[in-house]
Amino acid sequence: MTTITIHIDKKENAELLEKMLRELSFIEEIEVSSNDDAKVNEPRGSYGRLKKSLEQIEGNSIFNEISDPSDWQRNLRNEW
């Protein structure tokens, strides 16, 4: 077994690299450590905030009352 240690400056880049490495069949184990554990990591930008909000919502509970999306949209447009 060979161990490689990599230092990455941004958390987003580290998460991307970790996802890529997990897809490789010959990787046996990935260990992630961070020096920023004491900081609260708030997402930056609207994409990060939106992603965090959607991750907090359980499953598909947002739109489960919509049975026909086309009809639902048509009704929204009729309200204007």
Protein backbone atom coordinates (compact mmCIF):
# COMPACT_ATOMS: atom_id res chain seq x y z
CA MET A 1 0.00 0.00 0.00
CA THR A 2 1.19 3.53 -0.80
CA THR A 3 -0.01 6.66 1.01
CA ILE A 4 -0.21 10.09 -0.63
CA THR A 5 -0.72 13.27 1.37
CA ILE A 6 -2.18 16.29 -0.43
CA HIS A 7 -2.69 19.81 0.94
CA ILE A 8 -5.45 21.82 -0.74
CA ASP A 9 -6.11 25.51 -0.12
CA LYS A 10 -9.92 25.63 -0.57
CA LYS A 11 -12.53 23.37 0.99
CA GLU A 12 -14.57 23.32 -2.23
CA ASN A 13 -11.58 22.03 -4.18
CA ALA A 14 -10.89 19.40 -1.54
CA GLU A 15 -14.50 18.17 -1.71
CA LEU A 16 -14.32 17.96 -5.50
CA LEU A 17 -11.06 15.99 -5.39
CA GLU A 18 -12.48 13.65 -2.75
CA LYS A 19 -15.54 12.91 -4.92
CA MET A 20 -13.30 12.21 -7.90
CA LEU A 21 -11.03 9.90 -5.91
CA ARG A 22 -13.96 7.94 -4.49
CA GLU A 23 -14.96 7.02 -8.06
CA LEU A 24 -11.63 5.28 -8.72
CA SER A 25 -11.77 1.54 -8.14
CA PHE A 26 -8.17 1.19 -6.93
CA ILE A 27 -8.53 3.70 -4.06
CA GLU A 28 -8.90 1.70 -0.85
CA GLU A 29 -9.41 4.44 1.72
CA ILE A 30 -9.72 8.24 1.83
CA GLU A 31 -9.01 10.13 5.02
CA VAL A 32 -9.90 13.83 5.11
CA SER A 33 -8.70 16.20 7.80
CA SER A 34 -9.10 19.95 8.03
CA ASN A 35 -7.48 22.71 10.03
CA ASP A 36 -10.62 24.81 9.69
CA ASP A 37 -12.74 22.71 12.05
CA ALA A 38 -13.12 25.57 14.52
CA LYS A 39 -14.59 27.90 11.90
CA VAL A 40 -18.24 27.88 10.91
CA ASN A 41 -18.29 27.22 7.19
CA GLU A 42 -21.08 29.26 5.69
CA PRO A 43 -21.57 28.77 1.98
CA ARG A 44 -20.45 31.65 -0.20
CA GLY A 45 -22.59 32.95 -3.01
CA SER A 46 -26.16 32.20 -3.91
CA TYR A 47 -25.36 28.73 -5.32
CA GLY A 48 -23.82 27.59 -2.02
CA ARG A 49 -26.69 28.94 0.06
CA LEU A 50 -29.27 27.37 -2.23
CA LYS A 51 -27.46 24.02 -2.19
CA LYS A 52 -27.25 24.05 1.61
CA SER A 53 -30.96 24.87 1.89
CA LEU A 54 -31.96 22.06 -0.46
CA GLU A 55 -29.77 19.57 1.41
CA GLN A 56 -31.64 20.39 4.62
CA ILE A 57 -35.02 19.57 3.09
CA GLU A 58 -36.05 15.95 3.52
CA GLY A 59 -36.41 14.05 0.26
CA ASN A 60 -38.86 15.46 -2.24
CA SER A 61 -41.24 16.92 0.31
CA ILE A 62 -41.35 20.32 -1.39
CA PHE A 63 -43.50 19.52 -4.41
CA ASN A 64 -45.31 16.34 -3.41
CA GLU A 65 -48.74 18.06 -3.69
CA ILE A 66 -48.14 18.67 -7.43
CA SER A 67 -49.43 15.71 -9.41
CA ASP A 68 -49.36 17.30 -12.90
CA PRO A 69 -46.53 19.86 -13.29
CA SER A 70 -47.88 21.21 -16.59
CA ASP A 71 -51.32 21.83 -15.12
CA TRP A 72 -49.76 23.41 -12.03
CA GLN A 73 -47.74 25.83 -14.22
CA ARG A 74 -50.77 26.65 -16.34
CA ASN A 75 -52.71 27.56 -13.19
CA LEU A 76 -49.89 29.79 -12.01
CA ARG A 77 -49.89 31.66 -15.30
CA ASN A 78 -53.68 32.07 -15.17
CA GLU A 79 -53.39 33.84 -11.81
CA TRP A 80 -51.43 36.67 -13.44
